[in-house]
Amino acid sequence: MPEHRPQRRRVLEALGEAGGLCTARTVDSDGDVIVCTLEAGHYDPDDWPGWKSGNSDGTPGGWHLAGGSIWSDVGAACFPHAAV
């Protein structure tokens, strides 16, 4: 299973091995909660994703990532590093 996928996170949580993952989350337009799938401590608001910095590489930079969603902690529907 590729890293940084929500399914991988669910498996690690079920095994009790998700302690090293980021706990930041956001809510999408459908009201679904999306939890970051990157390693804890990765977040750097100054390391912008490629599409925000003028590149189209699709990488998250230092922002949060889950599947195809990339977000920072400043969004209205974002919960930075809160307990899940």
PDB file of N, CA and C in Angstrom:
ATOM      1  N   MET A   1       0.850  -1.176   0.000  1.00  0.00           N
ATOM      2  CA  MET A   1       0.000   0.000   0.000  1.00  0.00           C
ATOM      3  C   MET A   1       0.896   1.240   0.000  1.00  0.00           C
ATOM      4  N   PRO A   2       0.672   2.173  -0.930  1.00  0.00           N
ATOM      5  CA  PRO A   2       1.523   3.367  -0.995  1.00  0.00           C
ATOM      6  C   PRO A   2       1.443   4.182   0.293  1.00  0.00           C
ATOM      7  N   GLU A   3       2.567   4.794   0.661  1.00  0.00           N
ATOM      8  CA  GLU A   3       2.571   5.666   1.832  1.00  0.00           C
ATOM      9  C   GLU A   3       1.714   6.887   1.547  1.00  0.00           C
ATOM     10  N   HIS A   4       1.296   7.551   2.604  1.00  0.00           N
ATOM     11  CA  HIS A   4       0.524   8.788   2.534  1.00  0.00           C
ATOM     12  C   HIS A   4      -0.891   8.568   1.996  1.00  0.00           C
ATOM     13  N   ARG A   5      -1.432   7.379   2.193  1.00  0.00           N
ATOM     14  CA  ARG A   5      -2.809   7.088   1.797  1.00  0.00           C
ATOM     15  C   ARG A   5      -3.649   6.904   3.052  1.00  0.00           C
ATOM     16  N   PRO A   6      -4.893   7.377   3.045  1.00  0.00           N
ATOM     17  CA  PRO A   6      -5.755   7.210   4.218  1.00  0.00           C
ATOM     18  C   PRO A   6      -5.931   5.747   4.638  1.00  0.00           C
ATOM     19  N   GLN A   7      -5.937   4.830   3.676  1.00  0.00           N
ATOM     20  CA  GLN A   7      -6.096   3.418   4.008  1.00  0.00           C
ATOM     21  C   GLN A   7      -4.910   2.922   4.843  1.00  0.00           C
ATOM     22  N   ARG A   8      -3.723   3.375   4.504  1.00  0.00           N
ATOM     23  CA  ARG A   8      -2.526   2.986   5.258  1.00  0.00           C
ATOM     24  C   ARG A   8      -2.639   3.487   6.695  1.00  0.00           C
ATOM     25  N   ARG A   9      -3.111   4.720   6.856  1.00  0.00           N
ATOM     26  CA  ARG A   9      -3.269   5.271   8.197  1.00  0.00           C
ATOM     27  C   ARG A   9      -4.261   4.437   9.007  1.00  0.00           C
ATOM     28  N   ARG A  10      -5.395   4.051   8.400  1.00  0.00           N
ATOM     29  CA  ARG A  10      -6.387   3.247   9.113  1.00  0.00           C
ATOM     30  C   ARG A  10      -5.797   1.908   9.567  1.00  0.00           C
ATOM     31  N   VAL A  11      -4.985   1.297   8.727  1.00  0.00           N
ATOM     32  CA  VAL A  11      -4.353   0.027   9.093  1.00  0.00           C
ATOM     33  C   VAL A  11      -3.403   0.236  10.274  1.00  0.00           C
ATOM     34  N   LEU A  12      -2.568   1.278  10.199  1.00  0.00           N
ATOM     35  CA  LEU A  12      -1.636   1.555  11.283  1.00  0.00           C
ATOM     36  C   LEU A  12      -2.374   1.864  12.585  1.00  0.00           C
ATOM     37  N   GLU A  13      -3.483   2.605  12.503  1.00  0.00           N
ATOM     38  CA  GLU A  13      -4.273   2.887  13.701  1.00  0.00           C
ATOM     39  C   GLU A  13      -4.843   1.603  14.288  1.00  0.00           C
ATOM     40  N   ALA A  14      -5.353   0.722  13.432  1.00  0.00           N
ATOM     41  CA  ALA A  14      -5.915  -0.546  13.901  1.00  0.00           C
ATOM     42  C   ALA A  14      -4.853  -1.411  14.588  1.00  0.00           C
ATOM     43  N   LEU A  15      -3.619  -1.307  14.117  1.00  0.00           N
ATOM     44  CA  LEU A  15      -2.521  -2.072  14.709  1.00  0.00           C
ATOM     45  C   LEU A  15      -1.896  -1.367  15.910  1.00  0.00           C
ATOM     46  N   GLY A  16      -2.367  -0.156  16.193  1.00  0.00           N
ATOM     47  CA  GLY A  16      -1.796   0.609  17.297  1.00  0.00           C
ATOM     48  C   GLY A  16      -0.431   1.175  16.982  1.00  0.00           C
ATOM     49  N   GLU A  17      -0.128   1.392  15.700  1.00  0.00           N
ATOM     50  CA  GLU A  17       1.196   1.841  15.279  1.00  0.00           C
ATOM     51  C   GLU A  17       1.172   3.195  14.580  1.00  0.00           C
ATOM     52  N   ALA A  18       0.129   3.998  14.823  1.00  0.00           N
ATOM     53  CA  ALA A  18       0.019   5.293  14.150  1.00  0.00           C
ATOM     54  C   ALA A  18       0.577   6.434  14.990  1.00  0.00           C
ATOM     55  N   GLY A  19       1.241   6.120  16.096  1.00  0.00           N
ATOM     56  CA  GLY A  19       1.756   7.143  16.995  1.00  0.00           C
ATOM     57  C   GLY A  19       2.756   8.082  16.357  1.00  0.00           C
ATOM     58  N   GLY A  20       3.438   7.661  15.301  1.00  0.00           N
ATOM     59  CA  GLY A  20       4.418   8.505  14.639  1.00  0.00           C
ATOM     60  C   GLY A  20       3.851   9.346  13.515  1.00  0.00           C
ATOM     61  N   LEU A  21       2.516   9.310  13.334  1.00  0.00           N
ATOM     62  CA  LEU A  21       1.882  10.073  12.258  1.00  0.00           C
ATOM     63  C   LEU A  21       1.315  11.385  12.776  1.00  0.00           C
ATOM     64  N   CYS A  22       1.240  12.353  11.908  1.00  0.00           N
ATOM     65  CA  CYS A  22       0.667  13.664  12.208  1.00  0.00           C
ATOM     66  C   CYS A  22      -0.808  13.496  12.574  1.00  0.00           C
ATOM     67  N   THR A  23      -1.301  14.318  13.494  1.00  0.00           N
ATOM     68  CA  THR A  23      -2.705  14.235  13.888  1.00  0.00           C
ATOM     69  C   THR A  23      -3.537  15.404  13.379  1.00  0.00           C
ATOM     70  N   ALA A  24      -2.953  16.271  12.545  1.00  0.00           N
ATOM     71  CA  ALA A  24      -3.715  17.393  12.000  1.00  0.00           C
ATOM     72  C   ALA A  24      -4.832  16.865  11.114  1.00  0.00           C
ATOM     73  N   ARG A  25      -5.951  17.582  11.115  1.00  0.00           N
ATOM     74  CA  ARG A  25      -7.084  17.152  10.289  1.00  0.00           C
ATOM     75  C   ARG A  25      -7.816  18.360   9.733  1.00  0.00           C
ATOM     76  N   THR A  26      -8.632  18.095   8.712  1.00  0.00           N
ATOM     77  CA  THR A  26      -9.468  19.127   8.102  1.00  0.00           C
ATOM     78  C   THR A  26     -10.801  18.498   7.741  1.00  0.00           C
ATOM     79  N   VAL A  27     -11.750  19.338   7.361  1.00  0.00           N
ATOM     80  CA  VAL A  27     -13.073  18.870   6.941  1.00  0.00           C
ATOM     81  C   VAL A  27     -13.264  19.280   5.492  1.00  0.00           C
ATOM     82  N   ASP A  28     -13.625  18.310   4.629  1.00  0.00           N
ATOM     83  CA  ASP A  28     -13.799  18.637   3.214  1.00  0.00           C
ATOM     84  C   ASP A  28     -15.197  19.193   2.950  1.00  0.00           C
ATOM     85  N   SER A  29     -15.481  19.517   1.703  1.00  0.00           N
ATOM     86  CA  SER A  29     -16.757  20.142   1.338  1.00  0.00           C
ATOM     87  C   SER A  29     -17.959  19.227   1.573  1.00  0.00           C
ATOM     88  N   ASP A  30     -17.727  17.916   1.682  1.00  0.00           N
ATOM     89  CA  ASP A  30     -18.803  16.970   1.962  1.00  0.00           C
ATOM     90  C   ASP A  30     -19.011  16.765   3.458  1.00  0.00           C
ATOM     91  N   GLY A  31     -18.164  17.407   4.277  1.00  0.00           N
ATOM     92  CA  GLY A  31     -18.261  17.248   5.724  1.00  0.00           C
ATOM     93  C   GLY A  31     -17.459  16.087   6.267  1.00  0.00           C
ATOM     94  N   ASP A  32     -16.689  15.422   5.410  1.00  0.00           N
ATOM     95  CA  ASP A  32     -15.862  14.300   5.847  1.00  0.00           C
ATOM     96  C   ASP A  32     -14.583  14.813   6.510  1.00  0.00           C
ATOM     97  N   VAL A  33     -14.198  14.182   7.608  1.00  0.00           N
ATOM     98  CA  VAL A  33     -12.956  14.536   8.289  1.00  0.00           C
ATOM     99  C   VAL A  33     -11.809  13.815   7.603  1.00  0.00           C
ATOM    100  N   ILE A  34     -10.764  14.568   7.267  1.00  0.00           N
ATOM    101  CA  ILE A  34      -9.587  14.020   6.606  1.00  0.00           C
ATOM    102  C   ILE A  34      -8.410  14.226   7.555  1.00  0.00           C
ATOM    103  N   VAL A  35      -7.678  13.154   7.856  1.00  0.00           N
ATOM    104  CA  VAL A  35      -6.548  13.220   8.776  1.00  0.00           C
ATOM    105  C   VAL A  35      -5.256  13.085   7.980  1.00  0.00           C
ATOM    106  N   CYS A  36      -4.289  13.927   8.298  1.00  0.00           N
ATOM    107  CA  CYS A  36      -2.998  13.913   7.610  1.00  0.00           C
ATOM    108  C   CYS A  36      -2.359  12.527   7.701  1.00  0.00           C
ATOM    109  N   THR A  37      -1.704  12.111   6.643  1.00  0.00           N
ATOM    110  CA  THR A  37      -1.069  10.790   6.610  1.00  0.00           C
ATOM    111  C   THR A  37       0.455  10.872   6.631  1.00  0.00           C
ATOM    112  N   LEU A  38       1.007  12.069   6.831  1.00  0.00           N
ATOM    113  CA  LEU A  38       2.462  12.231   6.869  1.00  0.00           C
ATOM    114  C   LEU A  38       2.995  11.973   8.279  1.00  0.00           C
ATOM    115  N   GLU A  39       4.304  11.867   8.390  1.00  0.00           N
ATOM    116  CA  GLU A  39       4.934  11.645   9.680  1.00  0.00           C
ATOM    117  C   GLU A  39       4.761  12.861  10.581  1.00  0.00           C
ATOM    118  N   ALA A  40       4.676  12.636  11.877  1.00  0.00           N
ATOM    119  CA  ALA A  40       4.581  13.731  12.845  1.00  0.00           C
ATOM    120  C   ALA A  40       5.803  14.629  12.713  1.00  0.00           C
ATOM    121  N   GLY A  41       5.594  15.926  12.917  1.00  0.00           N
ATOM    122  CA  GLY A  41       6.687  16.882  12.872  1.00  0.00           C
ATOM    123  C   GLY A  41       7.040  17.390  11.494  1.00  0.00           C
ATOM    124  N   HIS A  42       6.301  17.009  10.468  1.00  0.00           N
ATOM    125  CA  HIS A  42       6.624  17.404   9.094  1.00  0.00           C
ATOM    126  C   HIS A  42       6.187  18.828   8.768  1.00  0.00           C
ATOM    127  N   TYR A  43       5.209  19.371   9.482  1.00  0.00           N
ATOM    128  CA  TYR A  43       4.538  20.598   9.062  1.00  0.00           C
ATOM    129  C   TYR A  43       5.455  21.814   9.108  1.00  0.00           C
ATOM    130  N   ASP A  44       5.528  22.519   7.983  1.00  0.00           N
ATOM    131  CA  ASP A  44       6.289  23.762   7.854  1.00  0.00           C
ATOM    132  C   ASP A  44       5.477  24.697   6.966  1.00  0.00           C
ATOM    133  N   PRO A  45       4.768  25.675   7.566  1.00  0.00           N
ATOM    134  CA  PRO A  45       3.896  26.537   6.758  1.00  0.00           C
ATOM    135  C   PRO A  45       4.636  27.345   5.708  1.00  0.00           C
ATOM    136  N   ASP A  46       5.946  27.528   5.878  1.00  0.00           N
ATOM    137  CA  ASP A  46       6.726  28.301   4.910  1.00  0.00           C
ATOM    138  C   ASP A  46       7.185  27.470   3.713  1.00  0.00           C
ATOM    139  N   ASP A  47       7.060  26.143   3.788  1.00  0.00           N
ATOM    140  CA  ASP A  47       7.431  25.250   2.691  1.00  0.00           C
ATOM    141  C   ASP A  47       6.165  24.970   1.877  1.00  0.00           C
ATOM    142  N   TRP A  48       5.826  25.893   0.999  1.00  0.00           N
ATOM    143  CA  TRP A  48       4.574  25.834   0.241  1.00  0.00           C
ATOM    144  C   TRP A  48       4.547  24.668  -0.736  1.00  0.00           C
ATOM    145  N   PRO A  49       3.357  24.104  -0.975  1.00  0.00           N
ATOM    146  CA  PRO A  49       3.235  23.056  -1.987  1.00  0.00           C
ATOM    147  C   PRO A  49       3.554  23.612  -3.374  1.00  0.00           C
ATOM    148  N   GLY A  50       3.897  22.722  -4.282  1.00  0.00           N
ATOM    149  CA  GLY A  50       4.272  23.144  -5.631  1.00  0.00           C
ATOM    150  C   GLY A  50       3.262  24.039  -6.306  1.00  0.00           C
ATOM    151  N   TRP A  51       1.975  23.727  -6.222  1.00  0.00           N
ATOM    152  CA  TRP A  51       0.960  24.521  -6.919  1.00  0.00           C
ATOM    153  C   TRP A  51       0.813  25.915  -6.325  1.00  0.00           C
ATOM    154  N   LYS A  52       1.158  26.113  -5.045  1.00  0.00           N
ATOM    155  CA  LYS A  52       1.066  27.447  -4.441  1.00  0.00           C
ATOM    156  C   LYS A  52       2.291  28.287  -4.779  1.00  0.00           C
ATOM    157  N   SER A  53       3.414  27.616  -5.036  1.00  0.00           N
ATOM    158  CA  SER A  53       4.646  28.355  -5.309  1.00  0.00           C
ATOM    159  C   SER A  53       4.897  28.532  -6.805  1.00  0.00           C
ATOM    160  N   GLY A  54       3.905  28.188  -7.632  1.00  0.00           N
ATOM    161  CA  GLY A  54       4.032  28.403  -9.062  1.00  0.00           C
ATOM    162  C   GLY A  54       4.471  27.174  -9.836  1.00  0.00           C
ATOM    163  N   ASN A  55       4.754  26.074  -9.159  1.00  0.00           N
ATOM    164  CA  ASN A  55       5.096  24.820  -9.832  1.00  0.00           C
ATOM    165  C   ASN A  55       3.859  23.943  -9.872  1.00  0.00           C
ATOM    166  N   SER A  56       3.794  23.042 -10.794  1.00  0.00           N
ATOM    167  CA  SER A  56       2.634  22.155 -10.888  1.00  0.00           C
ATOM    168  C   SER A  56       2.995  20.723 -10.518  1.00  0.00           C
ATOM    169  N   ASP A  57       3.979  20.559  -9.619  1.00  0.00           N
ATOM    170  CA  ASP A  57       4.433  19.208  -9.291  1.00  0.00           C
ATOM    171  C   ASP A  57       3.491  18.446  -8.366  1.00  0.00           C
ATOM    172  N   GLY A  58       2.542  19.131  -7.709  1.00  0.00           N
ATOM    173  CA  GLY A  58       1.567  18.449  -6.873  1.00  0.00           C
ATOM    174  C   GLY A  58       2.096  17.974  -5.530  1.00  0.00           C
ATOM    175  N   THR A  59       3.344  18.290  -5.196  1.00  0.00           N
ATOM    176  CA  THR A  59       3.884  17.842  -3.907  1.00  0.00           C
ATOM    177  C   THR A  59       3.340  18.712  -2.778  1.00  0.00           C
ATOM    178  N   PRO A  60       3.239  18.169  -1.556  1.00  0.00           N
ATOM    179  CA  PRO A  60       2.662  18.942  -0.462  1.00  0.00           C
ATOM    180  C   PRO A  60       3.608  19.944   0.182  1.00  0.00           C
ATOM    181  N   GLY A  61       4.866  19.979  -0.239  1.00  0.00           N
ATOM    182  CA  GLY A  61       5.817  20.838   0.454  1.00  0.00           C
ATOM    183  C   GLY A  61       5.860  20.402   1.907  1.00  0.00           C
ATOM    184  N   GLY A  62       5.747  21.340   2.833  1.00  0.00           N
ATOM    185  CA  GLY A  62       5.699  21.008   4.255  1.00  0.00           C
ATOM    186  C   GLY A  62       4.292  20.989   4.811  1.00  0.00           C
ATOM    187  N   TRP A  63       3.276  21.087   3.928  1.00  0.00           N
ATOM    188  CA  TRP A  63       1.889  21.122   4.379  1.00  0.00           C
ATOM    189  C   TRP A  63       1.356  19.715   4.627  1.00  0.00           C
ATOM    190  N   HIS A  64       0.120  19.621   5.106  1.00  0.00           N
ATOM    191  CA  HIS A  64      -0.499  18.329   5.409  1.00  0.00           C
ATOM    192  C   HIS A  64      -1.006  17.659   4.126  1.00  0.00           C
ATOM    193  N   LEU A  65      -1.027  16.332   4.142  1.00  0.00           N
ATOM    194  CA  LEU A  65      -1.414  15.554   2.964  1.00  0.00           C
ATOM    195  C   LEU A  65      -2.219  14.338   3.381  1.00  0.00           C
ATOM    196  N   ALA A  66      -3.273  14.050   2.624  1.00  0.00           N
ATOM    197  CA  ALA A  66      -4.034  12.817   2.775  1.00  0.00           C
ATOM    198  C   ALA A  66      -4.661  12.533   1.425  1.00  0.00           C
ATOM    199  N   GLY A  67      -4.242  11.441   0.797  1.00  0.00           N
ATOM    200  CA  GLY A  67      -4.749  11.147  -0.536  1.00  0.00           C
ATOM    201  C   GLY A  67      -4.449  12.314  -1.457  1.00  0.00           C
ATOM    202  N   GLY A  68      -5.461  12.920  -2.050  1.00  0.00           N
ATOM    203  CA  GLY A  68      -5.281  14.056  -2.944  1.00  0.00           C
ATOM    204  C   GLY A  68      -5.482  15.407  -2.271  1.00  0.00           C
ATOM    205  N   SER A  69      -5.693  15.431  -0.960  1.00  0.00           N
ATOM    206  CA  SER A  69      -5.923  16.682  -0.241  1.00  0.00           C
ATOM    207  C   SER A  69      -4.632  17.214   0.365  1.00  0.00           C
ATOM    208  N   ILE A  70      -4.374  18.506   0.162  1.00  0.00           N
ATOM    209  CA  ILE A  70      -3.217  19.188   0.733  1.00  0.00           C
ATOM    210  C   ILE A  70      -3.743  20.434   1.432  1.00  0.00           C
ATOM    211  N   TRP A  71      -3.363  20.653   2.705  1.00  0.00           N
ATOM    212  CA  TRP A  71      -3.847  21.820   3.422  1.00  0.00           C
ATOM    213  C   TRP A  71      -2.841  22.305   4.449  1.00  0.00           C
ATOM    214  N   SER A  72      -3.050  23.576   4.869  1.00  0.00           N
ATOM    215  CA  SER A  72      -2.230  24.163   5.931  1.00  0.00           C
ATOM    216  C   SER A  72      -3.090  24.275   7.184  1.00  0.00           C
ATOM    217  N   ASP A  73      -2.488  24.696   8.283  1.00  0.00           N
ATOM    218  CA  ASP A  73      -3.218  24.810   9.543  1.00  0.00           C
ATOM    219  C   ASP A  73      -4.097  26.050   9.632  1.00  0.00           C
ATOM    220  N   VAL A  74      -4.025  26.961   8.667  1.00  0.00           N
ATOM    221  CA  VAL A  74      -4.728  28.230   8.797  1.00  0.00           C
ATOM    222  C   VAL A  74      -6.148  28.219   8.229  1.00  0.00           C
ATOM    223  N   GLY A  75      -6.555  27.163   7.560  1.00  0.00           N
ATOM    224  CA  GLY A  75      -7.899  27.105   6.984  1.00  0.00           C
ATOM    225  C   GLY A  75      -8.976  27.051   8.054  1.00  0.00           C
ATOM    226  N   ALA A  76     -10.158  27.571   7.730  1.00  0.00           N
ATOM    227  CA  ALA A  76     -11.263  27.634   8.682  1.00  0.00           C
ATOM    228  C   ALA A  76     -11.682  26.249   9.172  1.00  0.00           C
ATOM    229  N   ALA A  77     -11.566  25.242   8.328  1.00  0.00           N
ATOM    230  CA  ALA A  77     -12.013  23.891   8.694  1.00  0.00           C
ATOM    231  C   ALA A  77     -10.853  22.998   9.125  1.00  0.00           C
ATOM    232  N   CYS A  78      -9.736  23.609   9.550  1.00  0.00           N
ATOM    233  CA  CYS A  78      -8.552  22.836   9.898  1.00  0.00           C
ATOM    234  C   CYS A  78      -8.352  22.767  11.399  1.00  0.00           C
ATOM    235  N   PHE A  79      -7.879  21.633  11.855  1.00  0.00           N
ATOM    236  CA  PHE A  79      -7.596  21.394  13.260  1.00  0.00           C
ATOM    237  C   PHE A  79      -6.134  20.962  13.355  1.00  0.00           C
ATOM    238  N   PRO A  80      -5.228  21.893  13.666  1.00  0.00           N
ATOM    239  CA  PRO A  80      -3.806  21.549  13.685  1.00  0.00           C
ATOM    240  C   PRO A  80      -3.408  20.651  14.832  1.00  0.00           C
ATOM    241  N   HIS A  81      -2.878  19.533  14.522  1.00  0.00           N
ATOM    242  CA  HIS A  81      -2.252  18.619  15.482  1.00  0.00           C
ATOM    243  C   HIS A  81      -3.125  18.327  16.696  1.00  0.00           C
ATOM    244  N   ALA A  82      -4.416  18.253  16.496  1.00  0.00           N
ATOM    245  CA  ALA A  82      -5.334  17.934  17.580  1.00  0.00           C
ATOM    246  C   ALA A  82      -5.422  16.425  17.748  1.00  0.00           C
ATOM    247  N   ALA A  83      -5.846  16.005  18.901  1.00  0.00           N
ATOM    248  CA  ALA A  83      -6.029  14.563  19.130  1.00  0.00           C
ATOM    249  C   ALA A  83      -7.166  14.062  18.254  1.00  0.00           C
ATOM    250  N   VAL A  84      -6.976  12.898  17.665  1.00  0.00           N
ATOM    251  CA  VAL A  84      -7.993  12.328  16.782  1.00  0.00           C
ATOM    252  C   VAL A  84      -8.974  11.539  17.599  1.00  0.00           C
TER     253      VAL A  84
END
